[in-house]
C-alpha atoms as a PDB file:
ATOM      1  CA  MET A   1     126.269  17.311-130.793  1.00  0.00           C
ATOM      2  CA  THR A   2     129.515  16.006-131.906  1.00  0.00           C
ATOM      3  CA  GLU A   3     131.317  18.872-130.203  1.00  0.00           C
ATOM      4  CA  ARG A   4     129.528  18.119-126.999  1.00  0.00           C
ATOM      5  CA  LEU A   5     130.373  14.486-127.236  1.00  0.00           C
ATOM      6  CA  GLU A   6     134.084  15.255-127.701  1.00  0.00           C
ATOM      7  CA  GLN A   7     133.956  17.633-124.686  1.00  0.00           C
ATOM      8  CA  VAL A   8     132.486  14.909-122.532  1.00  0.00           C
ATOM      9  CA  ALA A   9     134.942  12.393-123.834  1.00  0.00           C
ATOM     10  CA  ALA A  10     137.875  14.799-122.904  1.00  0.00           C
ATOM     11  CA  GLN A  11     136.443  15.327-119.427  1.00  0.00           C
ATOM     12  CA  LEU A  12     136.071  11.616-118.753  1.00  0.00           C
ATOM     13  CA  LEU A  13     139.615  10.929-120.040  1.00  0.00           C
ATOM     14  CA  ALA A  14     140.868  13.531-117.647  1.00  0.00           C
ATOM     15  CA  LEU A  15     139.016  11.965-114.725  1.00  0.00           C
ATOM     16  CA  GLY A  16     140.088   8.528-115.957  1.00  0.00           C
ATOM     17  CA  ASN A  17     143.526   8.948-114.367  1.00  0.00           C
ATOM     18  CA  PRO A  18     143.492   7.931-110.635  1.00  0.00           C
ATOM     19  CA  LEU A  19     145.661  10.826-109.446  1.00  0.00           C
ATOM     20  CA  ARG A  20     143.547  13.439-111.391  1.00  0.00           C
ATOM     21  CA  LEU A  21     140.488  11.890-110.021  1.00  0.00           C
ATOM     22  CA  ARG A  22     141.871  12.340-106.527  1.00  0.00           C
ATOM     23  CA  ILE A  23     142.724  15.894-107.240  1.00  0.00           C
ATOM     24  CA  TYR A  24     139.371  16.684-108.708  1.00  0.00           C
ATOM     25  CA  ARG A  25     137.542  15.077-105.740  1.00  0.00           C
ATOM     26  CA  MET A  26     139.710  17.111-103.370  1.00  0.00           C
ATOM     27  CA  LEU A  27     138.717  20.336-105.207  1.00  0.00           C
ATOM     28  CA  VAL A  28     135.030  19.378-105.266  1.00  0.00           C
ATOM     29  CA  ARG A  29     135.183  18.797-101.502  1.00  0.00           C
ATOM     30  CA  ALA A  30     136.969  22.150-100.991  1.00  0.00           C
ATOM     31  CA  GLY A  31     134.015  24.119-102.165  1.00  0.00           C
ATOM     32  CA  ALA A  32     134.103  27.582-103.653  1.00  0.00           C
ATOM     33  CA  GLU A  33     137.279  28.541-101.783  1.00  0.00           C
ATOM     34  CA  GLY A  34     139.313  25.920-103.764  1.00  0.00           C
ATOM     35  CA  LEU A  35     142.832  24.839-102.730  1.00  0.00           C
ATOM     36  CA  ALA A  36     146.176  26.375-103.091  1.00  0.00           C
ATOM     37  CA  VAL A  37     148.331  24.288-105.383  1.00  0.00           C
ATOM     38  CA  GLY A  38     150.910  24.050-102.614  1.00  0.00           C
ATOM     39  CA  ARG A  39     148.337  22.557-100.228  1.00  0.00           C
ATOM     40  CA  ILE A  40     147.226  19.947-102.840  1.00  0.00           C
ATOM     41  CA  GLN A  41     150.944  19.024-103.393  1.00  0.00           C
ATOM     42  CA  GLN A  42     151.306  18.595 -99.582  1.00  0.00           C
ATOM     43  CA  ARG A  43     148.201  16.419 -99.246  1.00  0.00           C
ATOM     44  CA  LEU A  44     149.256  14.156-102.081  1.00  0.00           C
ATOM     45  CA  ASP A  45     153.036  14.250-101.482  1.00  0.00           C
ATOM     46  CA  ILE A  46     153.939  14.468-105.090  1.00  0.00           C
ATOM     47  CA  PRO A  47     156.396  16.590-107.136  1.00  0.00           C
ATOM     48  CA  ALA A  48     155.241  20.012-108.212  1.00  0.00           C
ATOM     49  CA  SER A  49     155.882  19.172-111.836  1.00  0.00           C
ATOM     50  CA  THR A  50     153.576  16.186-111.630  1.00  0.00           C
ATOM     51  CA  LEU A  51     150.812  18.095-109.969  1.00  0.00           C
ATOM     52  CA  SER A  52     151.166  20.930-112.589  1.00  0.00           C
ATOM     53  CA  HIS A  53     150.767  18.356-115.338  1.00  0.00           C
ATOM     54  CA  HIS A  54     147.676  16.917-113.847  1.00  0.00           C
ATOM     55  CA  CYS A  55     145.988  20.196-112.970  1.00  0.00           C
ATOM     56  CA  LYS A  56     146.638  21.383-116.566  1.00  0.00           C
ATOM     57  CA  GLN A  57     144.849  18.341-117.918  1.00  0.00           C
ATOM     58  CA  LEU A  58     141.830  19.161-115.569  1.00  0.00           C
ATOM     59  CA  VAL A  59     141.821  22.773-116.596  1.00  0.00           C
ATOM     60  CA  ASP A  60     142.040  21.907-120.324  1.00  0.00           C
ATOM     61  CA  ALA A  61     139.024  19.607-119.895  1.00  0.00           C
ATOM     62  CA  GLY A  62     137.181  22.540-118.360  1.00  0.00           C
ATOM     63  CA  LEU A  63     136.630  20.778-114.973  1.00  0.00           C
ATOM     64  CA  VAL A  64     138.948  22.957-113.054  1.00  0.00           C
ATOM     65  CA  THR A  65     139.696  26.814-112.957  1.00  0.00           C
ATOM     66  CA  ARG A  66     142.959  28.392-111.738  1.00  0.00           C
ATOM     67  CA  GLU A  67     143.306  31.878-110.216  1.00  0.00           C
ATOM     68  CA  ARG A  68     146.495  33.549-109.159  1.00  0.00           C
ATOM     69  CA  GLN A  69     146.213  35.443-105.819  1.00  0.00           C
ATOM     70  CA  ALA A  70     149.482  37.267-105.286  1.00  0.00           C
ATOM     71  CA  THR A  71     152.104  34.410-105.288  1.00  0.00           C
ATOM     72  CA  THR A  72     149.531  31.612-104.696  1.00  0.00           C
ATOM     73  CA  LEU A  73     147.813  29.634-107.387  1.00  0.00           C
ATOM     74  CA  ILE A  74     144.324  28.514-106.327  1.00  0.00           C
ATOM     75  CA  CYS A  75     142.471  25.708-108.160  1.00  0.00           C
ATOM     76  CA  ARG A  76     138.743  25.197-107.891  1.00  0.00           C
ATOM     77  CA  ALA A  77     136.380  22.658-109.250  1.00  0.00           C
ATOM     78  CA  HIS A  78     134.196  24.283-111.937  1.00  0.00           C
ATOM     79  CA  TYR A  79     130.807  23.137-110.741  1.00  0.00           C
ATOM     80  CA  PRO A  80     128.751  24.072-113.807  1.00  0.00           C
ATOM     81  CA  ALA A  81     130.913  21.809-115.873  1.00  0.00           C
ATOM     82  CA  MET A  82     130.534  18.986-113.254  1.00  0.00           C
ATOM     83  CA  ARG A  83     126.786  19.356-113.323  1.00  0.00           C
ATOM     84  CA  ALA A  84     126.774  19.415-117.080  1.00  0.00           C
ATOM     85  CA  LEU A  85     128.914  16.210-117.322  1.00  0.00           C
ATOM     86  CA  LEU A  86     126.692  14.502-114.813  1.00  0.00           C
ATOM     87  CA  GLY A  87     123.553  15.690-116.626  1.00  0.00           C
ATOM     88  CA  TYR A  88     124.969  14.464-119.990  1.00  0.00           C
ATOM     89  CA  LEU A  89     125.492  10.958-118.485  1.00  0.00           C
ATOM     90  CA  ALA A  90     122.107  10.784-116.876  1.00  0.00           C
ATOM     91  CA  ASP A  91     119.734  12.934-118.972  1.00  0.00           C
ATOM     92  CA  GLU A  92     118.689  10.133-121.290  1.00  0.00           C
ATOM     93  CA  CYS A  93     118.449   7.501-118.706  1.00  0.00           C
ATOM     94  CA  CYS A  94     115.754   4.901-119.585  1.00  0.00           C
ATOM     95  CA  ALA A  95     114.780   6.880-122.725  1.00  0.00           C
ATOM     96  CA  ASP A  96     114.729   3.704-124.807  1.00  0.00           C
ATOM     97  CA  GLY A  97     113.765   1.313-122.139  1.00  0.00           C
ATOM     98  CA  THR A  98     111.778   0.811-118.946  1.00  0.00           C
ATOM     99  CA  ARG A  99     112.176   2.799-115.929  1.00  0.00           C
ATOM    100  CA  PRO A 100     113.689   0.945-112.890  1.00  0.00           C
ATOM    101  CA  SER A 101     111.042  -0.417-110.614  1.00  0.00           C
ATOM    102  CA  ASP A 102     112.646   1.386-107.633  1.00  0.00           C
ATOM    103  CA  LEU A 103     112.776   5.002-108.699  1.00  0.00           C
ATOM    104  CA  ALA A 104     114.529   6.001-105.439  1.00  0.00           C
ATOM    105  CA  ASP A 105     117.659   4.406-106.980  1.00  0.00           C
ATOM    106  CA  ALA A 106     117.069   5.950-110.516  1.00  0.00           C
ATOM    107  CA  PRO A 107     118.812   8.921-111.759  1.00  0.00           C
ATOM    108  CA  PRO A 108     116.868  12.258-111.526  1.00  0.00           C
ATOM    109  CA  SER A 109     116.028  12.074-115.275  1.00  0.00           C
ATOM    110  CA  CYS A 110     113.977   8.850-114.721  1.00  0.00           C
ATOM    111  CA  ARG A 111     112.069  10.660-112.020  1.00  0.00           C
ATOM    112  CA  GLY A 112     111.257  13.612-114.254  1.00  0.00           C
ATOM    113  CA  ALA A 113     114.000  16.062-113.103  1.00  0.00           C
ATOM    114  CA  SER A 114     117.215  16.917-114.993  1.00  0.00           C
ATOM    115  CA  VAL A 115     120.607  17.257-113.211  1.00  0.00           C
ATOM    116  CA  SER A 116     122.195  19.156-116.072  1.00  0.00           C
ATOM    117  CA  ASP A 117     122.822  22.853-115.929  1.00  0.00           C
ATOM    118  CA  PRO A 118     121.247  24.451-118.936  1.00  0.00           C
ATOM    119  CA  ALA A 119     123.487  27.496-118.688  1.00  0.00           C
ATOM    120  CA  THR A 120     126.556  25.370-119.782  1.00  0.00           C
END
């Protein structure tokens, strides 16, 4: 459990930086195709070294994968890690208290379904 807690803390730390959060959201929106690093750089209008630093933090946290295709580096959101992080944050919702009166606004765990990915 301590290892998982440390992993989640590292992921939240990575997402705690506004620029990294923007990059991550961009990659989540891009879907399975991901985005070329050059395209991300153009969209954000930041130096390549700055982008490289922030992408490395997201990769190290397990939230992003990188793949070289010829001379192009493609970044993709690692969706199983995203689901696992969201699941970790919501899985024990209301475990020690009362469920919200309006279950439509409650996390899936309060409605009897889990958002976590058991494969990760």
